[in-house]
Amino acid sequence: MSYADYGPLGRWLEFGINVHLGQEFGLTNQLFLLAVCIAIIVMCVAAGVIWWKRRPARQG
């Protein structure tokens, strides 16, 4: 089955998968996806640091 045989929903799905994999817009898309991944990692680490600083004090 080729791309031309897909219906509108199949084409949108294929487009979304290609964007997600970094295959649609070349290096620009790959750099954008890298920035998003780094941002997610930074937010996860920052959340842990913020929690650690604000955690309840130990009793005793």
C-alpha atoms as a PDB file:
ATOM      1  CA  MET A   1       0.000   0.000   0.000  1.00  0.00           C
ATOM      2  CA  SER A   2       1.514   3.319  -1.041  1.00  0.00           C
ATOM      3  CA  TYR A   3       0.996   6.793   0.389  1.00  0.00           C
ATOM      4  CA  ALA A   4      -1.356   7.651  -2.497  1.00  0.00           C
ATOM      5  CA  ASP A   5      -3.704   4.846  -1.377  1.00  0.00           C
ATOM      6  CA  TYR A   6      -4.179   6.330   2.113  1.00  0.00           C
ATOM      7  CA  GLY A   7      -7.297   8.273   2.982  1.00  0.00           C
ATOM      8  CA  PRO A   8      -7.181  11.694   4.684  1.00  0.00           C
ATOM      9  CA  LEU A   9      -6.908  10.217   8.181  1.00  0.00           C
ATOM     10  CA  GLY A  10      -4.151   7.842   7.107  1.00  0.00           C
ATOM     11  CA  ARG A  11      -2.206  10.697   5.541  1.00  0.00           C
ATOM     12  CA  TRP A  12      -2.493  12.818   8.688  1.00  0.00           C
ATOM     13  CA  LEU A  13      -1.403   9.875  10.796  1.00  0.00           C
ATOM     14  CA  GLU A  14       1.583   9.198   8.542  1.00  0.00           C
ATOM     15  CA  PHE A  15       2.511  12.892   8.632  1.00  0.00           C
ATOM     16  CA  GLY A  16       2.304  12.951  12.436  1.00  0.00           C
ATOM     17  CA  ILE A  17       4.488   9.868  12.743  1.00  0.00           C
ATOM     18  CA  ASN A  18       7.084  11.340  10.382  1.00  0.00           C
ATOM     19  CA  VAL A  19       7.151  14.615  12.321  1.00  0.00           C
ATOM     20  CA  HIS A  20       7.463  12.690  15.585  1.00  0.00           C
ATOM     21  CA  LEU A  21      10.399  10.693  14.227  1.00  0.00           C
ATOM     22  CA  GLY A  22      12.124  13.815  12.889  1.00  0.00           C
ATOM     23  CA  GLN A  23      11.828  12.763   9.253  1.00  0.00           C
ATOM     24  CA  GLU A  24       9.488  15.462   7.936  1.00  0.00           C
ATOM     25  CA  PHE A  25      11.347  18.805   8.030  1.00  0.00           C
ATOM     26  CA  GLY A  26      14.959  17.682   8.173  1.00  0.00           C
ATOM     27  CA  LEU A  27      17.499  19.162  10.539  1.00  0.00           C
ATOM     28  CA  THR A  28      15.171  21.944  11.737  1.00  0.00           C
ATOM     29  CA  ASN A  29      12.651  19.437  13.052  1.00  0.00           C
ATOM     30  CA  GLN A  30      15.368  17.291  14.611  1.00  0.00           C
ATOM     31  CA  LEU A  31      16.848  20.282  16.445  1.00  0.00           C
ATOM     32  CA  PHE A  32      13.383  21.313  17.635  1.00  0.00           C
ATOM     33  CA  LEU A  33      12.690  17.801  18.928  1.00  0.00           C
ATOM     34  CA  LEU A  34      16.101  17.773  20.651  1.00  0.00           C
ATOM     35  CA  ALA A  35      15.252  21.081  22.354  1.00  0.00           C
ATOM     36  CA  VAL A  36      11.904  19.670  23.502  1.00  0.00           C
ATOM     37  CA  CYS A  37      13.605  16.557  24.918  1.00  0.00           C
ATOM     38  CA  ILE A  38      16.196  18.641  26.757  1.00  0.00           C
ATOM     39  CA  ALA A  39      13.437  20.893  28.125  1.00  0.00           C
ATOM     40  CA  ILE A  40      11.523  17.878  29.457  1.00  0.00           C
ATOM     41  CA  ILE A  41      14.657  16.520  31.145  1.00  0.00           C
ATOM     42  CA  VAL A  42      15.431  19.931  32.677  1.00  0.00           C
ATOM     43  CA  MET A  43      11.863  20.256  33.974  1.00  0.00           C
ATOM     44  CA  CYS A  44      12.028  16.793  35.567  1.00  0.00           C
ATOM     45  CA  VAL A  45      15.324  17.563  37.276  1.00  0.00           C
ATOM     46  CA  ALA A  46      14.086  21.006  38.364  1.00  0.00           C
ATOM     47  CA  ALA A  47      10.932  19.460  39.850  1.00  0.00           C
ATOM     48  CA  GLY A  48      13.056  17.088  41.913  1.00  0.00           C
ATOM     49  CA  VAL A  49      15.300  19.911  43.105  1.00  0.00           C
ATOM     50  CA  ILE A  50      12.332  22.115  44.016  1.00  0.00           C
ATOM     51  CA  TRP A  51      10.686  19.261  45.892  1.00  0.00           C
ATOM     52  CA  TRP A  52      13.940  18.468  47.717  1.00  0.00           C
ATOM     53  CA  LYS A  53      14.287  22.087  48.856  1.00  0.00           C
ATOM     54  CA  ARG A  54      10.651  22.325  50.007  1.00  0.00           C
ATOM     55  CA  ARG A  55      10.195  18.829  51.445  1.00  0.00           C
ATOM     56  CA  PRO A  56       8.783  18.599  54.946  1.00  0.00           C
ATOM     57  CA  ALA A  57      11.382  18.764  57.694  1.00  0.00           C
ATOM     58  CA  ARG A  58      12.035  15.575  59.625  1.00  0.00           C
ATOM     59  CA  GLN A  59      10.554  15.344  63.095  1.00  0.00           C
ATOM     60  CA  GLY A  60      13.036  14.805  65.862  1.00  0.00           C
END
